[in-house]
Amino acid sequence: MKYLAAYLLLTAAGNTTPSSENIKEVLSSVGIETNDKDVASLLSAVEGKDINELIAEGRTKLASVPTGGAVSGGAAAGGAAAGGASEEAAAEEKKEEEKEESDDDMGFGLFD
């Protein structure tokens, strides 16, 4: 992830084809040691590809990852159908919590 983050920072700064040395320079500026093999692996994976297309592809893949309940802003934007189902589940869960809380409000407890 750190190599990818450095690569994205460089492309955001206008360097459309960051080199291995550019990535190493960014990471060393914040005290991170680099592994030449990992940097080379990243560069070979993104070679000849448009960074905007890679990000869009990653978003579609991320939208299919189950979130386990709460809907985050990115997941909601990624898929409305999945977000709607999660919202319904969250509403049902909230209703159950309210029922449990209403028992507590009456002052009755199991060991009172």
C-alpha atoms as a PDB file:
ATOM      1  CA  MET A   1       0.000   0.000   0.000  1.00  0.00           C
ATOM      2  CA  LYS A   2       2.799   2.429   0.776  1.00  0.00           C
ATOM      3  CA  TYR A   3       4.237   2.005  -2.711  1.00  0.00           C
ATOM      4  CA  LEU A   4       0.849   2.526  -4.301  1.00  0.00           C
ATOM      5  CA  ALA A   5       0.237   5.598  -2.121  1.00  0.00           C
ATOM      6  CA  ALA A   6       3.551   7.096  -3.227  1.00  0.00           C
ATOM      7  CA  TYR A   7       2.720   6.302  -6.862  1.00  0.00           C
ATOM      8  CA  LEU A   8      -0.679   7.992  -6.545  1.00  0.00           C
ATOM      9  CA  LEU A   9       0.851  11.044  -4.864  1.00  0.00           C
ATOM     10  CA  LEU A  10       3.303  11.397  -7.714  1.00  0.00           C
ATOM     11  CA  THR A  11       0.596  11.090 -10.369  1.00  0.00           C
ATOM     12  CA  ALA A  12      -1.585  13.597  -8.519  1.00  0.00           C
ATOM     13  CA  ALA A  13       1.359  15.995  -8.551  1.00  0.00           C
ATOM     14  CA  GLY A  14       1.565  15.745 -12.343  1.00  0.00           C
ATOM     15  CA  ASN A  15       4.164  13.001 -12.856  1.00  0.00           C
ATOM     16  CA  THR A  16       2.262  10.727 -15.254  1.00  0.00           C
ATOM     17  CA  THR A  17       4.935   8.010 -15.277  1.00  0.00           C
ATOM     18  CA  PRO A  18       6.687   7.853 -11.885  1.00  0.00           C
ATOM     19  CA  SER A  19       9.933   5.905 -11.852  1.00  0.00           C
ATOM     20  CA  SER A  20      11.300   3.574  -9.218  1.00  0.00           C
ATOM     21  CA  GLU A  21      13.596   6.349  -8.025  1.00  0.00           C
ATOM     22  CA  ASN A  22      10.673   8.792  -7.713  1.00  0.00           C
ATOM     23  CA  ILE A  23       8.762   6.368  -5.505  1.00  0.00           C
ATOM     24  CA  LYS A  24      11.837   5.640  -3.369  1.00  0.00           C
ATOM     25  CA  GLU A  25      12.451   9.374  -2.949  1.00  0.00           C
ATOM     26  CA  VAL A  26       8.893  10.042  -1.760  1.00  0.00           C
ATOM     27  CA  LEU A  27       8.968   7.191   0.735  1.00  0.00           C
ATOM     28  CA  SER A  28      12.465   7.971   2.048  1.00  0.00           C
ATOM     29  CA  SER A  29      11.400  11.588   2.643  1.00  0.00           C
ATOM     30  CA  VAL A  30       9.093  10.315   5.395  1.00  0.00           C
ATOM     31  CA  GLY A  31      11.502   7.712   6.747  1.00  0.00           C
ATOM     32  CA  ILE A  32      10.109   4.606   5.040  1.00  0.00           C
ATOM     33  CA  GLU A  33      12.529   1.986   3.760  1.00  0.00           C
ATOM     34  CA  THR A  34      11.784   0.534   0.338  1.00  0.00           C
ATOM     35  CA  ASN A  35      12.116  -2.866  -1.227  1.00  0.00           C
ATOM     36  CA  ASP A  36      13.272  -2.745  -4.858  1.00  0.00           C
ATOM     37  CA  LYS A  37      11.357  -5.915  -5.720  1.00  0.00           C
ATOM     38  CA  ASP A  38       8.051  -4.500  -4.444  1.00  0.00           C
ATOM     39  CA  VAL A  39       8.525  -1.194  -6.258  1.00  0.00           C
ATOM     40  CA  ALA A  40       9.340  -3.035  -9.492  1.00  0.00           C
ATOM     41  CA  SER A  41       6.271  -5.239  -9.032  1.00  0.00           C
ATOM     42  CA  LEU A  42       4.013  -2.202  -8.672  1.00  0.00           C
ATOM     43  CA  LEU A  43       5.494  -0.462 -11.691  1.00  0.00           C
ATOM     44  CA  SER A  44       5.104  -3.557 -13.864  1.00  0.00           C
ATOM     45  CA  ALA A  45       1.476  -3.940 -12.746  1.00  0.00           C
ATOM     46  CA  VAL A  46       0.526  -0.367 -13.699  1.00  0.00           C
ATOM     47  CA  GLU A  47       2.752  -0.043 -16.766  1.00  0.00           C
ATOM     48  CA  GLY A  48       0.810   1.240 -19.771  1.00  0.00           C
ATOM     49  CA  LYS A  49      -2.413   1.683 -17.823  1.00  0.00           C
ATOM     50  CA  ASP A  50      -4.324   4.894 -17.157  1.00  0.00           C
ATOM     51  CA  ILE A  51      -4.476   5.634 -13.420  1.00  0.00           C
ATOM     52  CA  ASN A  52      -8.041   6.982 -13.645  1.00  0.00           C
ATOM     53  CA  GLU A  53      -9.236   3.741 -15.249  1.00  0.00           C
ATOM     54  CA  LEU A  54      -7.479   1.717 -12.540  1.00  0.00           C
ATOM     55  CA  ILE A  55      -9.185   3.755  -9.819  1.00  0.00           C
ATOM     56  CA  ALA A  56     -12.599   3.329 -11.458  1.00  0.00           C
ATOM     57  CA  GLU A  57     -12.031  -0.429 -11.749  1.00  0.00           C
ATOM     58  CA  GLY A  58     -10.997  -0.581  -8.102  1.00  0.00           C
ATOM     59  CA  ARG A  59     -14.151   1.252  -7.027  1.00  0.00           C
ATOM     60  CA  THR A  60     -16.385  -1.272  -8.762  1.00  0.00           C
ATOM     61  CA  LYS A  61     -14.520  -4.127  -7.079  1.00  0.00           C
ATOM     62  CA  LEU A  62     -14.705  -2.399  -3.700  1.00  0.00           C
ATOM     63  CA  ALA A  63     -18.459  -1.892  -4.065  1.00  0.00           C
ATOM     64  CA  SER A  64     -18.924  -5.673  -4.147  1.00  0.00           C
ATOM     65  CA  VAL A  65     -17.157  -6.181  -0.799  1.00  0.00           C
ATOM     66  CA  PRO A  66     -19.642  -6.895   2.020  1.00  0.00           C
ATOM     67  CA  THR A  67     -19.570  -4.244   4.719  1.00  0.00           C
ATOM     68  CA  GLY A  68     -21.344  -6.124   7.477  1.00  0.00           C
ATOM     69  CA  GLY A  69     -24.034  -3.648   8.433  1.00  0.00           C
ATOM     70  CA  ALA A  70     -23.366   0.058   8.425  1.00  0.00           C
ATOM     71  CA  VAL A  71     -23.196   1.727   5.051  1.00  0.00           C
ATOM     72  CA  SER A  72     -20.264   4.024   4.450  1.00  0.00           C
ATOM     73  CA  GLY A  73     -20.349   6.892   1.974  1.00  0.00           C
ATOM     74  CA  GLY A  74     -18.175   5.081  -0.578  1.00  0.00           C
ATOM     75  CA  ALA A  75     -20.177   1.869  -0.454  1.00  0.00           C
ATOM     76  CA  ALA A  76     -23.472   3.745  -0.752  1.00  0.00           C
ATOM     77  CA  ALA A  77     -22.230   5.547  -3.833  1.00  0.00           C
ATOM     78  CA  GLY A  78     -20.958   2.282  -5.320  1.00  0.00           C
ATOM     79  CA  GLY A  79     -24.182   0.304  -5.306  1.00  0.00           C
ATOM     80  CA  ALA A  80     -27.681   1.508  -4.495  1.00  0.00           C
ATOM     81  CA  ALA A  81     -29.175  -1.988  -4.293  1.00  0.00           C
ATOM     82  CA  ALA A  82     -26.646  -3.167  -1.722  1.00  0.00           C
ATOM     83  CA  GLY A  83     -27.026   0.072   0.213  1.00  0.00           C
ATOM     84  CA  GLY A  84     -30.826  -0.252   0.318  1.00  0.00           C
ATOM     85  CA  ALA A  85     -30.631  -3.757   1.759  1.00  0.00           C
ATOM     86  CA  SER A  86     -28.118  -2.625   4.365  1.00  0.00           C
ATOM     87  CA  GLU A  87     -30.299   0.322   5.344  1.00  0.00           C
ATOM     88  CA  GLU A  88     -33.274  -1.993   5.872  1.00  0.00           C
ATOM     89  CA  ALA A  89     -31.171  -4.299   8.040  1.00  0.00           C
ATOM     90  CA  ALA A  90     -29.905  -1.333  10.040  1.00  0.00           C
ATOM     91  CA  ALA A  91     -33.485  -0.084  10.550  1.00  0.00           C
ATOM     92  CA  GLU A  92     -34.608  -3.511  11.801  1.00  0.00           C
ATOM     93  CA  GLU A  93     -31.628  -3.683  14.138  1.00  0.00           C
ATOM     94  CA  LYS A  94     -32.458  -0.234  15.499  1.00  0.00           C
ATOM     95  CA  LYS A  95     -36.062  -1.292  16.152  1.00  0.00           C
ATOM     96  CA  GLU A  96     -34.814  -4.320  18.100  1.00  0.00           C
ATOM     97  CA  GLU A  97     -32.509  -2.103  20.153  1.00  0.00           C
ATOM     98  CA  GLU A  98     -35.392   0.263  20.918  1.00  0.00           C
ATOM     99  CA  LYS A  99     -37.494  -2.665  22.164  1.00  0.00           C
ATOM    100  CA  GLU A 100     -34.651  -3.749  24.452  1.00  0.00           C
ATOM    101  CA  GLU A 101     -34.176  -0.216  25.729  1.00  0.00           C
ATOM    102  CA  SER A 102     -37.877   0.180  26.464  1.00  0.00           C
ATOM    103  CA  ASP A 103     -37.660  -2.718  28.938  1.00  0.00           C
ATOM    104  CA  ASP A 104     -34.762  -0.992  30.683  1.00  0.00           C
ATOM    105  CA  ASP A 105     -36.702   2.257  30.926  1.00  0.00           C
ATOM    106  CA  MET A 106     -39.444   0.578  32.994  1.00  0.00           C
ATOM    107  CA  GLY A 107     -37.007  -0.202  35.781  1.00  0.00           C
ATOM    108  CA  PHE A 108     -37.464  -3.951  35.597  1.00  0.00           C
ATOM    109  CA  GLY A 109     -34.385  -6.093  35.423  1.00  0.00           C
ATOM    110  CA  LEU A 110     -33.606  -9.746  35.644  1.00  0.00           C
ATOM    111  CA  PHE A 111     -31.813  -9.431  39.002  1.00  0.00           C
ATOM    112  CA  ASP A 112     -33.723  -6.531  40.604  1.00  0.00           C
END
